[in-house]
Amino acid sequence: YSDRLSSLAPPTNSVAPPCLNTSQYPPLSEWEAPSFTRAAQFRVGATLVLFLFAACSNLALLVSVWRGRGRRLASHLRPLMLSLASADLMMTFVVMPLDAVWNVTVQWYGGDALCKLLCFLKLFAMHASAFILVVISLDRQHAILHPLDALSAHCRNRRMLLLAWGLSLLLASPQLFIFRTISMDSVNFTQCASHGSFQHRWQETVYNMFHFITLYIVPLLVMSCCYSRILLHIHQQHLRNKAGESHLRRSGTDIIPKARMKTLKMTVVIVLSFVVCWTPYYLLGIWYWFQPDMLRVTPEYIHHALFVFGNLNTCCDPVIYGFYTPSFRADLAACCHRWTRSDTSPRSVDRLPANCSDTQPARAS
């Protein structure tokens, strides 16, 4: 079986080279080692670009919320944004480099312990990213439907975040036992794979479908339910105002305070970016699980392109946050201003004209 299996197959096995399982693939004696194809080269290049952008933007978001003007956020919102940036950084520094390097090397050179650890961290990062979006959606629902209960929001969000990180840790832990290094002496090839962990194909399918449900279906249903209830609440408030049932003569835009409505819009867009970016990835995963031969008929570049498109979600969150949050843009502008000033400060004095350095010595110090 010489076709190189895409990492877009099941999310739990979604690392660049093939994950070999006795229930799905031919005997190892009939297997041929994959190669670093042109499509895989495109995937590596695109992943590196996304890595640089996601690392810089999410680090900037983390610093802004932790130490910059982002500290002005409501006390119950700051932990949510910090957790979202942290989860995105895990995706950035674990999933993207692992995927890029593994595509280049094709086989596994990291040893058994690193094989287990990185496969665990990958699934942990994916679960954490999805579950934190669920926590944000639940927080927005409570803030809109129960605005007078804001005092307990901080403790409630802290408990939900602990549950989200704990569940991510628990659900990713089977990876430590399923993946291990497999060596093929006949072709001098070593791979980090789940070969031999499943005696029958249906067992692996059940395992993958379980993680598909926890990674995508459950978060999507909870988030859809939350925002549907929010929209229904806003619609009912509009109807009450039109019918004169509200004692306060408020316009439609004043039903919800502007700051809260702005945060609501931001979280809706963040959730939509998650759905748009990851839906093709998981749809292809379902097709692969039930029709493994689909890899023979679909072009390889499609698998790679959809995985890169899924990783685009990691870059979207800080961009969306910056679009809706002036404090983040102000922090970025201040950072760029300091950087440009440093270019014309101490080490650049010798490049300035003589009259400039003589008349303005203070700026050169």
Protein backbone atom coordinates (compact mmCIF):
# COMPACT_ATOMS: atom_id res chain seq x y z
CA TYR A 1 0.00 0.00 0.00
CA SER A 2 2.08 2.82 -1.36
CA ASP A 3 -0.39 5.66 -1.08
CA ARG A 4 0.61 8.05 1.66
CA LEU A 5 -2.21 8.36 4.20
CA SER A 6 -3.27 11.89 5.00
CA SER A 7 -3.22 13.23 8.51
CA LEU A 8 -6.77 14.35 7.91
CA ALA A 9 -8.07 10.89 8.54
CA PRO A 10 -9.27 10.46 12.13
CA PRO A 11 -8.41 13.36 14.46
CA THR A 12 -6.81 10.93 16.93
CA ASN A 13 -4.48 9.63 14.26
CA SER A 14 -4.08 12.94 12.48
CA VAL A 15 -0.36 13.20 12.29
CA ALA A 16 1.39 13.50 9.00
CA PRO A 17 2.70 10.03 8.20
CA PRO A 18 0.42 7.00 8.13
CA CYS A 19 -0.91 5.50 11.32
CA LEU A 20 -0.89 1.80 10.69
CA ASN A 21 -3.58 -0.42 12.19
CA THR A 22 -4.03 -4.12 11.49
CA SER A 23 -7.77 -3.64 11.19
CA GLN A 24 -7.49 -1.12 8.35
CA TYR A 25 -4.32 -1.70 6.41
CA PRO A 26 -2.56 -4.61 4.69
CA PRO A 27 0.10 -6.70 6.47
CA LEU A 28 3.27 -4.78 7.22
CA SER A 29 5.18 -7.00 4.84
CA GLU A 30 3.15 -5.55 1.94
CA TRP A 31 3.49 -1.96 3.05
CA GLU A 32 5.71 0.57 1.28
CA ALA A 33 7.23 3.61 2.99
CA PRO A 34 5.68 7.00 2.09
CA SER A 35 7.64 9.90 0.61
CA PHE A 36 7.81 13.67 0.96
CA THR A 37 5.53 14.56 -1.95
CA ARG A 38 4.90 17.93 -3.58
CA ALA A 39 1.54 18.24 -1.81
CA ALA A 40 3.23 17.55 1.52
CA GLN A 41 5.81 20.24 0.72
CA PHE A 42 2.99 22.73 0.19
CA ARG A 43 1.49 21.66 3.49
CA VAL A 44 4.76 22.22 5.33
CA GLY A 45 5.24 25.68 3.81
CA ALA A 46 1.69 26.76 4.62
CA THR A 47 1.96 25.35 8.14
CA LEU A 48 5.16 27.30 8.81
CA VAL A 49 3.49 30.55 7.68
CA LEU A 50 0.51 29.87 9.93
CA PHE A 51 2.85 28.95 12.78
CA LEU A 52 4.68 32.28 12.63
CA PHE A 53 1.47 34.30 12.47
CA ALA A 54 -0.34 32.27 15.15
CA ALA A 55 2.64 32.35 17.53
CA CYS A 56 3.11 36.12 17.28
CA SER A 57 -0.60 37.03 17.42
CA ASN A 58 -1.54 34.68 20.26
CA LEU A 59 1.50 35.66 22.31
CA ALA A 60 0.56 39.31 21.78
CA LEU A 61 -3.00 38.54 22.89
CA LEU A 62 -1.76 36.70 25.98
CA VAL A 63 0.56 39.57 26.98
CA SER A 64 -2.15 42.18 26.32
CA VAL A 65 -4.74 40.45 28.50
CA TRP A 66 -2.21 39.52 31.19
CA ARG A 67 -0.20 42.72 31.53
CA GLY A 68 -1.44 45.29 28.99
CA ARG A 69 -4.61 47.23 28.42
CA GLY A 70 -6.51 43.95 28.21
CA ARG A 71 -6.49 43.92 32.01
CA ARG A 72 -9.43 46.33 31.76
CA LEU A 73 -11.62 43.42 30.72
CA ALA A 74 -14.20 42.30 33.24
CA SER A 75 -12.67 40.04 35.86
CA HIS A 76 -14.72 37.04 34.71
CA LEU A 77 -13.77 37.55 31.04
CA ARG A 78 -10.00 37.74 31.50
CA PRO A 79 -9.55 34.05 32.49
CA LEU A 80 -11.62 33.04 29.46
CA MET A 81 -9.46 35.00 27.01
CA LEU A 82 -6.26 33.86 28.75
CA SER A 83 -7.38 30.23 28.47
CA LEU A 84 -8.37 30.66 24.83
CA ALA A 85 -4.97 32.17 23.99
CA SER A 86 -3.21 29.42 25.96
CA ALA A 87 -5.12 26.68 24.11
CA ASP A 88 -4.33 28.31 20.77
CA LEU A 89 -0.66 28.52 21.74
CA MET A 90 -0.70 24.80 22.57
CA MET A 91 -2.11 24.13 19.12
CA THR A 92 0.54 26.44 17.66
CA PHE A 93 3.60 25.04 19.44
CA VAL A 94 2.57 21.37 19.54
CA VAL A 95 0.35 20.54 16.58
CA MET A 96 1.88 22.74 13.87
CA PRO A 97 5.61 21.99 14.41
CA LEU A 98 4.86 18.29 14.95
CA ASP A 99 2.90 18.14 11.71
CA ALA A 100 5.50 20.07 9.69
CA VAL A 101 8.55 18.19 10.96
CA TRP A 102 6.84 14.82 10.65
CA ASN A 103 5.90 15.54 7.05
CA VAL A 104 9.53 16.38 6.27
CA THR A 105 11.11 13.39 8.03
CA VAL A 106 8.24 11.06 6.99
CA GLN A 107 9.29 8.45 9.55
CA TRP A 108 9.64 8.84 13.32
CA TYR A 109 13.02 9.60 14.91
CA GLY A 110 11.90 10.76 18.36
CA GLY A 111 11.73 7.48 20.23
CA ASP A 112 8.83 5.75 21.97
CA ALA A 113 8.41 8.14 24.89
CA LEU A 114 8.24 11.21 22.67
CA CYS A 115 5.84 9.41 20.33
CA LYS A 116 3.37 8.83 23.16
CA LEU A 117 3.83 12.30 24.67
CA LEU A 118 3.34 14.29 21.47
CA CYS A 119 0.31 12.27 20.34
CA PHE A 120 -1.17 12.89 23.79
CA LEU A 121 -0.38 16.62 23.71
CA LYS A 122 -1.89 16.97 20.27
CA LEU A 123 -5.26 15.55 21.26
CA PHE A 124 -5.11 17.45 24.58
CA ALA A 125 -4.62 20.76 22.74
CA MET A 126 -7.48 20.03 20.33
CA HIS A 127 -9.87 19.16 23.16
CA ALA A 128 -8.85 22.19 25.23
CA SER A 129 -9.42 24.56 22.32
CA ALA A 130 -12.92 23.18 21.68
CA PHE A 131 -13.96 22.99 25.35
CA ILE A 132 -12.86 26.55 26.14
CA LEU A 133 -15.10 27.81 23.33
CA VAL A 134 -17.92 25.92 25.05
CA VAL A 135 -17.11 27.66 28.35
CA ILE A 136 -17.14 31.06 26.62
CA SER A 137 -20.52 30.28 25.06
CA LEU A 138 -21.98 29.22 28.41
CA ASP A 139 -20.63 32.41 30.00
CA ARG A 140 -22.25 34.59 27.32
CA GLN A 141 -25.54 32.75 27.72
CA HIS A 142 -25.56 33.33 31.47
CA ALA A 143 -24.53 36.98 31.07
CA ILE A 144 -27.40 37.71 28.66
CA LEU A 145 -30.13 35.60 30.26
CA HIS A 146 -29.18 36.36 33.88
CA PRO A 147 -27.51 39.80 33.86
CA LEU A 148 -28.12 40.36 37.60
CA ASP A 149 -26.03 37.30 38.50
CA ALA A 150 -22.73 38.86 37.43
CA LEU A 151 -21.16 38.64 40.89
CA SER A 152 -20.88 34.86 40.74
CA ALA A 153 -19.55 34.81 37.16
CA HIS A 154 -15.88 34.75 38.17
CA CYS A 155 -16.18 31.66 40.40
CA ARG A 156 -18.49 29.93 37.93
CA ASN A 157 -16.11 30.49 35.02
CA ARG A 158 -13.14 29.32 37.05
CA ARG A 159 -14.92 26.04 37.83
CA MET A 160 -15.92 25.56 34.20
CA LEU A 161 -12.37 26.23 32.99
CA LEU A 162 -10.96 23.72 35.46
CA LEU A 163 -13.49 21.18 34.21
CA ALA A 164 -12.60 21.94 30.57
CA TRP A 165 -8.86 21.49 31.12
CA GLY A 166 -9.44 18.40 33.29
CA LEU A 167 -11.70 16.74 30.71
CA SER A 168 -9.18 17.52 27.97
CA LEU A 169 -6.47 15.84 30.01
CA LEU A 170 -8.64 12.79 30.70
CA LEU A 171 -9.90 12.31 27.14
CA ALA A 172 -6.42 12.62 25.65
CA SER A 173 -4.79 10.17 28.06
CA PRO A 174 -5.59 6.99 26.00
CA GLN A 175 -3.14 8.26 23.40
CA LEU A 176 -0.33 7.40 25.84
CA PHE A 177 -1.27 3.72 25.57
CA ILE A 178 -2.43 3.48 21.96
CA PHE A 179 0.54 5.03 20.14
CA ARG A 180 4.05 3.59 20.12
CA THR A 181 6.99 3.22 17.74
CA ILE A 182 6.80 0.45 15.16
CA SER A 183 9.93 -0.62 13.25
CA MET A 184 10.01 -2.32 9.86
CA ASP A 185 13.43 -3.81 9.31
CA SER A 186 12.66 -4.85 5.74
CA VAL A 187 12.50 -1.22 4.58
CA ASN A 188 14.48 0.36 7.45
CA PHE A 189 11.47 2.42 8.53
CA THR A 190 10.28 3.45 12.02
CA GLN A 191 6.89 5.02 12.64
CA CYS A 192 4.88 6.34 15.57
CA ALA A 193 1.60 4.52 15.02
CA SER A 194 -1.27 2.66 16.68
CA HIS A 195 -0.48 -0.64 14.95
CA GLY A 196 -1.72 -3.55 17.05
CA SER A 197 -3.74 -1.45 19.49
CA PHE A 198 -7.03 -2.48 17.87
CA GLN A 199 -7.79 -6.10 17.07
CA HIS A 200 -10.72 -5.20 14.80
CA ARG A 201 -11.44 -2.25 12.58
CA TRP A 202 -14.75 -1.48 14.30
CA GLN A 203 -12.92 -0.94 17.60
CA GLU A 204 -10.77 1.79 16.09
CA THR A 205 -13.82 3.30 14.39
CA VAL A 206 -15.65 3.46 17.73
CA TYR A 207 -12.60 5.08 19.36
CA ASN A 208 -12.30 7.66 16.59
CA MET A 209 -16.04 8.37 16.53
CA PHE A 210 -16.00 8.91 20.28
CA HIS A 211 -13.35 11.61 19.90
CA PHE A 212 -15.18 13.07 16.91
CA ILE A 213 -18.24 13.47 19.15
CA THR A 214 -16.27 15.00 22.03
CA LEU A 215 -14.12 17.23 19.82
CA TYR A 216 -16.77 18.49 17.43
CA ILE A 217 -20.36 17.30 17.85
CA VAL A 218 -20.82 18.00 21.58
CA PRO A 219 -19.10 21.44 21.49
CA LEU A 220 -21.09 22.37 18.38
CA LEU A 221 -24.40 21.33 19.96
CA VAL A 222 -23.71 23.16 23.23
CA MET A 223 -22.57 26.32 21.47
CA SER A 224 -25.55 26.22 19.09
CA CYS A 225 -27.93 25.78 22.02
CA CYS A 226 -26.35 28.69 23.92
CA TYR A 227 -26.52 31.19 21.08
CA SER A 228 -29.98 30.02 20.02
CA ARG A 229 -31.23 30.77 23.53
CA ILE A 230 -29.51 34.16 23.41
CA LEU A 231 -31.12 35.04 20.07
CA LEU A 232 -34.50 33.88 21.33
CA HIS A 233 -34.10 36.02 24.46
CA ILE A 234 -33.20 39.10 22.40
CA HIS A 235 -36.15 38.48 20.08
CA GLN A 236 -38.55 38.19 23.02
CA GLN A 237 -37.20 41.42 24.48
CA HIS A 238 -37.86 43.18 21.19
CA LEU A 239 -41.41 41.88 21.13
CA ARG A 240 -42.03 43.04 24.70
CA ASN A 241 -40.77 46.51 23.92
CA LYS A 242 -42.96 46.78 20.87
CA ALA A 243 -45.97 45.63 22.86
CA GLY A 244 -45.29 48.23 25.57
CA GLU A 245 -44.73 45.61 28.28
CA SER A 246 -41.39 47.12 29.29
CA HIS A 247 -41.60 49.86 31.88
CA LEU A 248 -38.37 51.36 30.52
CA ARG A 249 -38.67 52.96 27.08
CA ARG A 250 -35.61 51.39 25.55
CA SER A 251 -34.75 51.14 21.89
CA GLY A 252 -33.90 47.79 20.33
CA THR A 253 -30.18 48.44 20.56
CA ASP A 254 -30.44 49.19 24.26
CA ILE A 255 -32.04 45.90 25.26
CA ILE A 256 -28.53 44.65 26.00
CA PRO A 257 -25.77 47.07 27.07
CA LYS A 258 -23.46 47.96 24.21
CA ALA A 259 -20.34 46.54 25.88
CA ARG A 260 -22.05 43.22 26.53
CA MET A 261 -23.44 43.12 23.00
CA LYS A 262 -19.98 43.79 21.58
CA THR A 263 -18.53 40.89 23.57
CA LEU A 264 -21.41 38.70 22.42
CA LYS A 265 -20.72 39.51 18.77
CA MET A 266 -17.04 38.75 19.25
CA THR A 267 -17.70 35.32 20.78
CA VAL A 268 -20.22 34.47 18.05
CA VAL A 269 -17.63 35.20 15.37
CA ILE A 270 -14.98 33.16 17.24
CA VAL A 271 -17.33 30.18 17.42
CA LEU A 272 -18.26 30.55 13.74
CA SER A 273 -14.58 30.54 12.79
CA PHE A 274 -14.17 27.27 14.71
CA VAL A 275 -17.10 25.71 12.84
CA VAL A 276 -16.05 26.97 9.40
CA CYS A 277 -12.39 25.97 9.76
CA TRP A 278 -12.81 22.51 11.31
CA THR A 279 -16.00 21.21 9.63
CA PRO A 280 -14.26 20.08 6.38
CA TYR A 281 -11.56 18.34 8.46
CA TYR A 282 -14.05 16.27 10.42
CA LEU A 283 -16.28 15.54 7.42
CA LEU A 284 -13.28 14.09 5.63
CA GLY A 285 -12.44 12.15 8.81
CA ILE A 286 -15.90 10.54 8.84
CA TRP A 287 -15.58 9.62 5.19
CA TYR A 288 -12.18 8.09 5.86
CA TRP A 289 -13.31 6.07 8.89
CA PHE A 290 -16.16 4.40 7.03
CA GLN A 291 -14.59 4.33 3.56
CA PRO A 292 -10.79 3.92 3.95
CA ASP A 293 -10.43 3.38 0.19
CA MET A 294 -11.46 7.01 -0.37
CA LEU A 295 -7.77 7.91 -0.07
CA ARG A 296 -7.20 6.16 -3.39
CA VAL A 297 -9.71 8.31 -5.26
CA THR A 298 -9.30 11.76 -3.67
CA PRO A 299 -6.27 13.86 -4.60
CA GLU A 300 -3.61 14.05 -1.90
CA TYR A 301 -3.49 17.86 -1.97
CA ILE A 302 -7.13 18.01 -0.83
CA HIS A 303 -6.29 16.19 2.41
CA HIS A 304 -3.35 18.48 3.07
CA ALA A 305 -5.24 21.66 2.19
CA LEU A 306 -8.14 20.86 4.51
CA PHE A 307 -5.81 20.18 7.43
CA VAL A 308 -4.05 23.50 6.86
CA PHE A 309 -7.45 25.20 6.65
CA GLY A 310 -8.37 23.70 10.04
CA ASN A 311 -5.19 25.11 11.58
CA LEU A 312 -6.22 28.53 10.28
CA ASN A 313 -8.66 28.66 13.20
CA THR A 314 -5.71 29.15 15.57
CA CYS A 315 -4.85 32.36 13.72
CA CYS A 316 -8.42 33.64 13.60
CA ASP A 317 -9.04 34.03 17.35
CA PRO A 318 -6.50 36.83 18.03
CA VAL A 319 -7.54 38.61 14.82
CA ILE A 320 -11.21 38.53 15.83
CA TYR A 321 -10.35 39.62 19.37
CA GLY A 322 -8.28 42.51 18.01
CA PHE A 323 -11.09 43.58 15.68
CA TYR A 324 -13.57 43.88 18.55
CA THR A 325 -11.15 45.09 21.26
CA PRO A 326 -9.54 48.55 20.92
CA SER A 327 -7.27 47.86 23.92
CA PHE A 328 -5.55 45.03 22.06
CA ARG A 329 -5.00 47.22 19.01
CA ALA A 330 -3.64 49.95 21.25
CA ASP A 331 -1.19 47.51 22.85
CA LEU A 332 0.01 46.40 19.41
CA ALA A 333 0.40 50.01 18.29
CA ALA A 334 2.37 50.87 21.44
CA CYS A 335 4.60 47.83 20.96
CA CYS A 336 5.29 48.75 17.33
CA HIS A 337 5.97 52.36 18.36
CA ARG A 338 8.50 51.26 20.99
CA TRP A 339 10.12 48.94 18.48
CA THR A 340 10.49 51.67 15.86
CA ARG A 341 11.83 54.09 18.45
CA SER A 342 14.38 51.52 19.60
CA ASP A 343 15.64 51.32 16.02
CA THR A 344 16.58 55.01 16.17
CA SER A 345 17.81 54.91 19.77
CA PRO A 346 21.17 53.84 21.20
CA ARG A 347 22.66 51.75 18.42
CA SER A 348 21.32 53.93 15.63
CA VAL A 349 22.89 57.18 16.78
CA ASP A 350 25.97 56.68 14.65
CA ARG A 351 23.71 56.53 11.59
CA LEU A 352 22.01 59.86 12.36
CA PRO A 353 23.24 63.17 10.93
CA ALA A 354 25.65 65.08 13.16
CA ASN A 355 23.28 67.99 13.77
CA CYS A 356 20.51 65.59 14.82
CA SER A 357 22.64 63.82 17.41
CA ASP A 358 23.97 67.13 18.71
CA THR A 359 20.70 68.95 19.07
CA GLN A 360 18.67 66.03 20.50
CA PRO A 361 20.99 64.02 22.71
CA ALA A 362 18.20 63.03 25.05
CA ARG A 363 16.44 60.86 22.43
CA ALA A 364 19.60 58.99 21.71
CA SER A 365 20.04 57.83 25.29
